[in-house]
Amino acid sequence: MDNDKFSGSLITPSVQDNIKIISFAAEPYPDGRRVLVRLLLSSFLEGPNATINLSNEENQELATVNIVSIFSPENEITLHIPGNKKLPGDYKIDVEVFYTEEEEIEQEGKKRLSFKQSLVDSASTSFSIQ
């Protein structure tokens, strides 16, 4: 694996605080049961995490995907609309991009590990299935 993936490139990788969602889009497949989600991030040195949620017009969560340590700034994910959900309809997809940091905390004399999420960016997009 090439650890210096940005050598020879004009792209300057961002530190955690500067990562941005460049584009976020959803496109239903012709079958009406799958949705192609495209997520483009600014370049980064350390891969962030992401959570993508698909919900219907009643704001019911239909699908969720969690991505740990995103490898590439360009991502495509297919989400599936459950077969028991009615079509057609309006849908919304939300994404949150974040880093997770471990913290050791002491509680009642015992040390335990806690995880803190640091949100770096978020976005939403909507689409309809006819």
Protein backbone atom coordinates (compact mmCIF):
# COMPACT_ATOMS: atom_id res chain seq x y z
CA MET A 1 0.00 0.00 0.00
CA ASP A 2 1.31 3.43 -0.91
CA ASN A 3 1.44 5.51 2.28
CA ASP A 4 2.43 8.60 0.35
CA LYS A 5 -0.70 8.71 -1.79
CA PHE A 6 -0.44 12.46 -2.38
CA SER A 7 3.16 12.65 -3.62
CA GLY A 8 3.38 14.16 -7.05
CA SER A 9 -0.12 15.56 -6.68
CA LEU A 10 -1.21 19.17 -6.60
CA ILE A 11 -3.76 18.27 -3.90
CA THR A 12 -2.77 19.32 -0.40
CA PRO A 13 -4.32 17.02 2.22
CA SER A 14 -6.35 18.69 4.94
CA VAL A 15 -6.05 18.32 8.67
CA GLN A 16 -9.12 17.07 10.52
CA ASP A 17 -10.64 20.49 11.09
CA ASN A 18 -10.47 21.45 7.40
CA ILE A 19 -12.16 18.44 5.82
CA LYS A 20 -15.29 19.42 3.88
CA ILE A 21 -17.98 17.65 1.93
CA ILE A 22 -17.43 18.85 -1.63
CA SER A 23 -20.51 17.14 -3.06
CA PHE A 24 -23.24 14.80 -1.86
CA ALA A 25 -25.87 13.39 -4.23
CA ALA A 26 -28.41 10.57 -4.46
CA GLU A 27 -29.72 8.93 -7.61
CA PRO A 28 -32.40 6.23 -7.55
CA TYR A 29 -31.79 3.15 -9.66
CA PRO A 30 -34.47 2.31 -12.28
CA ASP A 31 -35.81 -0.50 -10.04
CA GLY A 32 -36.91 2.11 -7.46
CA ARG A 33 -35.59 0.00 -4.57
CA ARG A 34 -31.94 1.07 -4.59
CA VAL A 35 -30.28 4.46 -4.37
CA LEU A 36 -26.75 5.32 -5.47
CA VAL A 37 -25.18 7.77 -3.02
CA ARG A 38 -22.11 9.73 -4.05
CA LEU A 39 -19.97 11.42 -1.40
CA LEU A 40 -16.95 13.51 -2.37
CA LEU A 41 -14.73 14.85 0.41
CA SER A 42 -11.79 17.19 0.34
CA SER A 43 -8.45 15.39 0.56
CA PHE A 44 -7.31 14.14 3.96
CA LEU A 45 -4.37 12.51 5.68
CA GLU A 46 -6.31 10.48 8.24
CA GLY A 47 -9.57 8.90 7.10
CA PRO A 48 -12.69 10.22 8.82
CA ASN A 49 -15.79 8.18 9.64
CA ALA A 50 -19.28 8.78 8.24
CA THR A 51 -22.87 7.86 8.95
CA ILE A 52 -25.40 7.95 6.11
CA ASN A 53 -29.15 7.73 6.86
CA LEU A 54 -32.01 7.22 4.42
CA SER A 55 -35.49 8.29 5.57
CA ASN A 56 -38.91 8.58 3.95
CA GLU A 57 -41.38 11.48 3.91
CA GLU A 58 -42.76 10.35 7.30
CA ASN A 59 -39.21 10.75 8.66
CA GLN A 60 -38.91 6.99 9.27
CA GLU A 61 -35.35 5.72 9.07
CA LEU A 62 -35.20 3.10 6.30
CA ALA A 63 -31.48 2.39 6.02
CA THR A 64 -28.23 3.38 7.70
CA VAL A 65 -24.63 2.77 6.78
CA ASN A 66 -21.61 3.49 8.96
CA ILE A 67 -18.23 3.91 7.31
CA VAL A 68 -15.13 3.61 9.48
CA SER A 69 -11.86 5.22 8.38
CA ILE A 70 -12.84 6.32 4.89
CA PHE A 71 -10.00 5.41 2.55
CA SER A 72 -10.69 7.64 -0.45
CA PRO A 73 -12.20 11.11 -0.87
CA GLU A 74 -14.46 9.69 -3.64
CA ASN A 75 -17.15 7.29 -2.37
CA GLU A 76 -20.17 5.54 -3.88
CA ILE A 77 -22.57 3.55 -1.73
CA THR A 78 -25.80 1.77 -2.67
CA LEU A 79 -28.63 1.95 -0.14
CA HIS A 80 -31.67 -0.32 -0.36
CA ILE A 81 -35.24 0.76 0.31
CA PRO A 82 -36.92 -2.08 2.23
CA GLY A 83 -39.46 -4.08 0.22
CA ASN A 84 -42.21 -3.49 2.77
CA LYS A 85 -42.07 0.32 2.28
CA LYS A 86 -44.44 1.93 -0.17
CA LEU A 87 -43.36 3.49 -3.43
CA PRO A 88 -43.55 6.12 -4.91
CA GLY A 89 -42.48 8.77 -2.45
CA ASP A 90 -40.11 11.47 -1.34
CA TYR A 91 -36.90 10.52 0.43
CA LYS A 92 -34.06 12.26 2.25
CA ILE A 93 -30.47 11.18 2.82
CA ASP A 94 -28.31 12.73 5.53
CA VAL A 95 -24.57 12.31 6.02
CA GLU A 96 -22.35 13.22 8.94
CA VAL A 97 -18.57 13.07 8.61
CA PHE A 98 -16.69 12.86 11.88
CA TYR A 99 -13.64 11.65 13.76
CA THR A 100 -13.78 9.47 16.85
CA GLU A 101 -11.37 10.06 19.70
CA GLU A 102 -10.78 7.78 22.68
CA GLU A 103 -10.89 9.35 26.12
CA GLU A 104 -10.05 7.65 29.37
CA ILE A 105 -12.41 8.78 32.11
CA GLU A 106 -12.56 7.92 35.76
CA GLN A 107 -15.95 7.19 37.24
CA GLU A 108 -16.48 5.99 40.81
CA GLY A 109 -12.79 5.16 41.12
CA LYS A 110 -12.76 3.04 37.96
CA LYS A 111 -11.13 3.99 34.69
CA ARG A 112 -13.04 3.31 31.51
CA LEU A 113 -12.75 4.20 27.86
CA SER A 114 -15.17 6.66 26.32
CA PHE A 115 -15.48 7.66 22.68
CA LYS A 116 -16.04 11.24 21.61
CA GLN A 117 -17.22 12.16 18.13
CA SER A 118 -15.99 15.38 16.54
CA LEU A 119 -18.27 16.39 13.67
CA VAL A 120 -16.35 17.90 10.75
CA ASP A 121 -19.16 18.35 8.21
CA SER A 122 -22.69 17.26 7.34
CA ALA A 123 -25.06 17.46 4.37
CA SER A 124 -28.53 16.41 3.19
CA THR A 125 -30.08 15.68 -0.16
CA SER A 126 -33.59 14.73 -1.26
CA PHE A 127 -35.01 12.74 -4.16
CA SER A 128 -38.32 11.31 -5.32
CA ILE A 129 -39.28 7.94 -6.72
CA GLN A 130 -42.25 8.03 -9.09
